[in-house]
N, C-alpha and C. Protein backbone atom coordinates (compact mmCIF):
# COMPACT_ATOMS: atom_id res chain seq x y z
N MET A 1 50.56 170.92 -95.44
CA MET A 1 50.43 169.85 -96.36
C MET A 1 51.19 168.56 -95.45
N GLU A 2 50.62 167.53 -95.62
CA GLU A 2 50.87 166.30 -94.69
C GLU A 2 52.10 165.64 -95.45
N ASN A 3 52.91 164.94 -94.64
CA ASN A 3 54.17 164.26 -95.13
C ASN A 3 53.59 162.91 -95.64
N PRO A 4 53.96 162.60 -96.95
CA PRO A 4 53.50 161.27 -97.64
C PRO A 4 54.15 160.12 -97.03
N HIS A 5 55.49 160.35 -96.60
CA HIS A 5 56.24 159.28 -96.17
C HIS A 5 55.68 158.78 -94.81
N LEU A 6 55.30 159.78 -93.97
CA LEU A 6 54.77 159.43 -92.62
C LEU A 6 53.50 158.65 -92.79
N GLU A 7 52.63 159.17 -93.72
CA GLU A 7 51.37 158.35 -93.96
C GLU A 7 51.59 156.95 -94.40
N ARG A 8 52.57 156.83 -95.44
CA ARG A 8 52.90 155.38 -95.95
C ARG A 8 53.44 154.58 -94.74
N GLN A 9 54.31 155.20 -93.96
CA GLN A 9 54.99 154.45 -92.90
C GLN A 9 53.84 153.97 -91.84
N SER A 10 52.85 154.76 -91.59
CA SER A 10 51.85 154.45 -90.66
C SER A 10 50.97 153.40 -91.32
N LEU A 11 50.70 153.24 -92.63
CA LEU A 11 50.01 152.19 -93.23
C LEU A 11 50.77 150.79 -93.12
N LEU A 12 52.04 150.89 -93.41
CA LEU A 12 52.86 149.72 -93.44
C LEU A 12 52.95 149.26 -91.99
N LEU A 13 53.15 150.06 -90.99
CA LEU A 13 53.12 149.61 -89.55
C LEU A 13 51.88 149.05 -89.21
N ALA A 14 50.66 149.58 -89.62
CA ALA A 14 49.32 149.06 -89.30
C ALA A 14 49.36 147.45 -89.81
N ARG A 15 49.91 147.36 -91.11
CA ARG A 15 49.80 146.00 -91.79
C ARG A 15 50.75 145.05 -91.08
N ILE A 16 51.84 145.60 -90.55
CA ILE A 16 52.76 144.73 -89.78
C ILE A 16 52.23 144.25 -88.49
N ILE A 17 51.51 145.18 -87.84
CA ILE A 17 50.88 144.81 -86.53
C ILE A 17 49.84 143.76 -86.77
N LYS A 18 48.88 143.98 -87.81
CA LYS A 18 48.02 143.10 -88.11
C LYS A 18 48.42 141.70 -88.32
N ASN A 19 49.57 141.59 -89.21
CA ASN A 19 50.06 140.35 -89.60
C ASN A 19 50.64 139.71 -88.33
N VAL A 20 51.33 140.40 -87.48
CA VAL A 20 52.02 139.83 -86.25
C VAL A 20 50.94 139.17 -85.41
N ASP A 21 49.82 140.09 -85.05
CA ASP A 21 48.73 139.48 -84.46
C ASP A 21 48.16 138.11 -84.94
N LYS A 22 47.98 138.07 -86.24
CA LYS A 22 47.61 136.77 -86.91
C LYS A 22 48.55 135.68 -86.68
N CYS A 23 49.94 136.04 -86.76
CA CYS A 23 50.94 135.03 -86.41
C CYS A 23 50.96 134.51 -84.97
N ASN A 24 50.64 135.45 -84.10
CA ASN A 24 50.56 135.11 -82.63
C ASN A 24 49.47 134.34 -82.41
N GLU A 25 48.35 134.55 -83.02
CA GLU A 25 47.04 133.71 -82.76
C GLU A 25 47.31 132.24 -83.34
N ALA A 26 47.92 132.32 -84.67
CA ALA A 26 48.33 130.92 -85.14
C ALA A 26 49.23 130.10 -84.26
N VAL A 27 50.27 130.76 -83.78
CA VAL A 27 51.08 130.08 -82.86
C VAL A 27 50.49 129.61 -81.55
N ARG A 28 49.59 130.50 -81.05
CA ARG A 28 48.76 129.93 -79.80
C ARG A 28 47.98 128.78 -80.01
N ASP A 29 47.31 128.75 -81.32
CA ASP A 29 46.42 127.71 -81.70
C ASP A 29 47.33 126.48 -81.87
N LEU A 30 48.40 126.67 -82.46
CA LEU A 30 49.46 125.48 -82.67
C LEU A 30 49.79 124.91 -81.33
N GLY A 31 50.19 125.82 -80.43
CA GLY A 31 50.59 125.35 -79.12
C GLY A 31 49.54 124.62 -78.36
N PHE A 32 48.19 125.14 -78.38
CA PHE A 32 47.08 124.38 -77.86
C PHE A 32 46.82 123.01 -78.38
N HIS A 33 46.92 123.00 -79.72
CA HIS A 33 46.71 121.74 -80.49
C HIS A 33 47.74 120.73 -80.17
N LEU A 34 49.05 121.19 -80.12
CA LEU A 34 50.14 120.23 -79.72
C LEU A 34 50.06 119.68 -78.26
N ASP A 35 49.58 120.64 -77.45
CA ASP A 35 49.33 120.26 -76.17
C ASP A 35 48.24 119.23 -75.96
N GLU A 36 47.19 119.28 -76.66
CA GLU A 36 46.17 118.19 -76.79
C GLU A 36 46.74 117.00 -77.27
N ILE A 37 47.56 116.97 -78.29
CA ILE A 37 48.09 115.80 -78.84
C ILE A 37 49.03 115.08 -77.92
N ILE A 38 49.86 115.78 -77.29
CA ILE A 38 50.82 115.37 -76.29
C ILE A 38 50.22 114.65 -75.14
N HIS A 39 49.25 115.23 -74.62
CA HIS A 39 48.45 114.74 -73.46
C HIS A 39 47.33 113.73 -73.74
N SER A 40 47.11 113.43 -74.94
CA SER A 40 46.09 112.46 -75.31
C SER A 40 46.53 111.05 -74.82
N PRO A 41 45.70 110.17 -74.30
CA PRO A 41 45.87 108.95 -73.81
C PRO A 41 46.62 107.98 -74.95
N SER A 42 46.01 108.19 -76.05
CA SER A 42 46.51 107.40 -77.32
C SER A 42 47.94 107.69 -77.59
N THR A 43 48.23 108.90 -77.39
CA THR A 43 49.61 109.35 -77.70
C THR A 43 50.58 108.82 -76.69
N GLN A 44 50.15 108.79 -75.56
CA GLN A 44 51.05 108.26 -74.46
C GLN A 44 51.66 106.84 -74.67
N ASP A 45 50.80 105.90 -75.35
CA ASP A 45 51.36 104.70 -75.84
C ASP A 45 52.49 104.88 -76.94
N ILE A 46 52.26 105.80 -77.84
CA ILE A 46 53.32 106.03 -78.76
C ILE A 46 54.54 106.63 -78.21
N ILE A 47 54.43 107.43 -77.31
CA ILE A 47 55.62 107.94 -76.55
C ILE A 47 56.35 106.98 -75.89
N VAL A 48 55.63 106.00 -75.08
CA VAL A 48 56.35 104.91 -74.50
C VAL A 48 57.15 104.19 -75.47
N ALA A 49 56.37 103.75 -76.57
CA ALA A 49 57.01 102.83 -77.54
C ALA A 49 58.27 103.62 -78.07
N SER A 50 58.17 104.91 -78.42
CA SER A 50 59.29 105.57 -79.01
C SER A 50 60.59 105.56 -78.12
N ARG A 51 60.18 105.86 -76.65
CA ARG A 51 61.33 105.76 -75.75
C ARG A 51 61.91 104.40 -75.73
N LEU A 52 61.09 103.34 -75.82
CA LEU A 52 61.70 101.90 -75.68
C LEU A 52 62.60 101.78 -76.85
N PHE A 53 62.11 102.19 -78.14
CA PHE A 53 62.87 102.01 -79.33
C PHE A 53 64.16 102.74 -79.31
N GLU A 54 64.16 103.94 -78.64
CA GLU A 54 65.22 104.78 -78.56
C GLU A 54 66.27 104.16 -77.68
N ASN A 55 65.92 103.66 -76.48
CA ASN A 55 66.79 102.88 -75.59
C ASN A 55 67.40 101.58 -76.32
N TYR A 56 66.42 100.90 -77.07
CA TYR A 56 67.01 99.84 -77.62
C TYR A 56 68.16 100.21 -78.74
N ASN A 57 67.89 101.26 -79.51
CA ASN A 57 68.93 101.74 -80.49
C ASN A 57 70.22 102.17 -79.67
N ARG A 58 70.12 102.76 -78.52
CA ARG A 58 71.27 103.18 -77.72
C ARG A 58 71.97 101.85 -77.28
N ASN A 59 71.29 100.97 -76.78
CA ASN A 59 71.89 99.67 -76.34
C ASN A 59 72.55 98.84 -77.43
N VAL A 60 71.92 98.78 -78.60
CA VAL A 60 72.49 98.14 -79.78
C VAL A 60 73.76 98.90 -80.27
N ALA A 61 73.81 100.20 -80.20
CA ALA A 61 74.98 100.95 -80.70
C ALA A 61 76.17 100.62 -79.70
N TYR A 62 75.77 100.57 -78.33
CA TYR A 62 76.86 100.33 -77.35
C TYR A 62 77.40 99.05 -77.56
N ASN A 63 76.53 97.95 -77.58
CA ASN A 63 77.08 96.69 -77.83
C ASN A 63 77.83 96.51 -79.19
N LEU A 64 77.44 97.09 -80.26
CA LEU A 64 78.22 97.06 -81.31
C LEU A 64 79.58 97.70 -81.24
N GLU A 65 79.64 98.77 -80.61
CA GLU A 65 81.05 99.32 -80.38
C GLU A 65 81.82 98.51 -79.54
N ARG A 66 81.36 97.81 -78.52
CA ARG A 66 82.08 96.85 -77.78
C ARG A 66 82.62 95.63 -78.55
N ILE A 67 81.70 95.13 -79.38
CA ILE A 67 82.03 93.96 -80.19
C ILE A 67 83.13 94.50 -81.22
N ASN A 68 83.07 95.42 -81.73
CA ASN A 68 84.12 95.93 -82.75
C ASN A 68 85.33 96.28 -82.01
N ALA A 69 85.35 96.68 -80.72
CA ALA A 69 86.63 96.97 -79.99
C ALA A 69 87.25 95.70 -79.77
N VAL A 70 86.51 94.52 -79.40
CA VAL A 70 87.08 93.41 -79.11
C VAL A 70 87.54 92.57 -80.46
N ASN A 71 86.71 92.62 -81.42
CA ASN A 71 87.02 91.93 -82.71
C ASN A 71 87.01 93.01 -83.85
N PRO A 72 88.03 93.73 -84.14
CA PRO A 72 88.10 94.64 -85.16
C PRO A 72 87.77 93.93 -86.49
N PRO A 73 87.15 94.49 -87.40
CA PRO A 73 86.87 93.85 -88.74
C PRO A 73 88.14 93.73 -89.48
N ALA A 74 88.12 92.59 -90.35
CA ALA A 74 89.23 92.35 -91.17
C ALA A 74 89.49 93.46 -92.16
N ALA A 75 90.66 93.74 -92.72
CA ALA A 75 90.92 94.80 -93.54
C ALA A 75 90.86 94.27 -95.00
N GLY A 76 89.80 93.69 -95.45
CA GLY A 76 89.59 93.30 -96.89
C GLY A 76 90.62 92.17 -97.45
N GLY A 77 90.38 90.96 -97.07
CA GLY A 77 91.26 89.89 -97.58
C GLY A 77 90.38 89.07 -98.57
N ALA A 78 90.72 87.91 -98.74
CA ALA A 78 90.07 86.85 -99.67
C ALA A 78 88.69 86.60 -99.00
N GLY A 79 88.61 86.46 -97.69
CA GLY A 79 87.31 86.32 -97.13
C GLY A 79 86.42 87.36 -97.19
N ALA A 80 86.82 88.63 -97.24
CA ALA A 80 85.86 89.65 -97.46
C ALA A 80 85.38 89.73 -98.80
N LYS A 81 86.14 89.41 -99.84
CA LYS A 81 85.68 89.42 -101.26
C LYS A 81 84.65 88.16 -101.41
N ASP A 82 85.07 87.08 -100.74
CA ASP A 82 84.15 85.87 -100.91
C ASP A 82 82.69 86.22 -100.29
N ALA A 83 82.79 86.90 -99.24
CA ALA A 83 81.54 87.20 -98.51
C ALA A 83 80.66 88.21 -99.38
N GLN A 84 81.33 89.07 -99.98
CA GLN A 84 80.56 90.01 -100.80
C GLN A 84 80.05 89.43 -101.99
N GLN A 85 80.74 88.55 -102.66
CA GLN A 85 80.33 87.93 -103.74
C GLN A 85 79.29 86.64 -103.62
N GLY A 86 79.05 86.29 -102.38
CA GLY A 86 78.09 85.25 -102.08
C GLY A 86 78.68 83.91 -101.80
N GLY A 87 79.92 83.84 -101.52
CA GLY A 87 80.66 82.70 -101.11
C GLY A 87 81.94 82.49 -101.80
N PRO A 88 82.75 81.44 -101.52
CA PRO A 88 84.02 81.19 -102.12
C PRO A 88 83.86 80.86 -103.60
N SER A 89 84.68 81.38 -104.40
CA SER A 89 84.58 81.04 -105.95
C SER A 89 85.49 79.77 -106.19
N SER A 90 85.05 78.82 -106.91
CA SER A 90 85.73 77.61 -107.04
C SER A 90 86.37 77.55 -108.61
């Protein structure tokens, strides 16, 4: 008499192997298509633009830190209320 647990385990293992093979193929396809996208000439322009924007953001953050270090913001006085409300109230 055959072991039913062994037979069931063999079927489950076969299904797992089949699904892992499908996943591996999908990941390979994804990698191939991502490689195509990354090395596309039109994508290179986007990459350059994104790097420029990233550098710009880093420079702005640096300069804002320096400005705030030199002139710390006021701690909410009458001028701060007026600025929030759209000007001095008469």
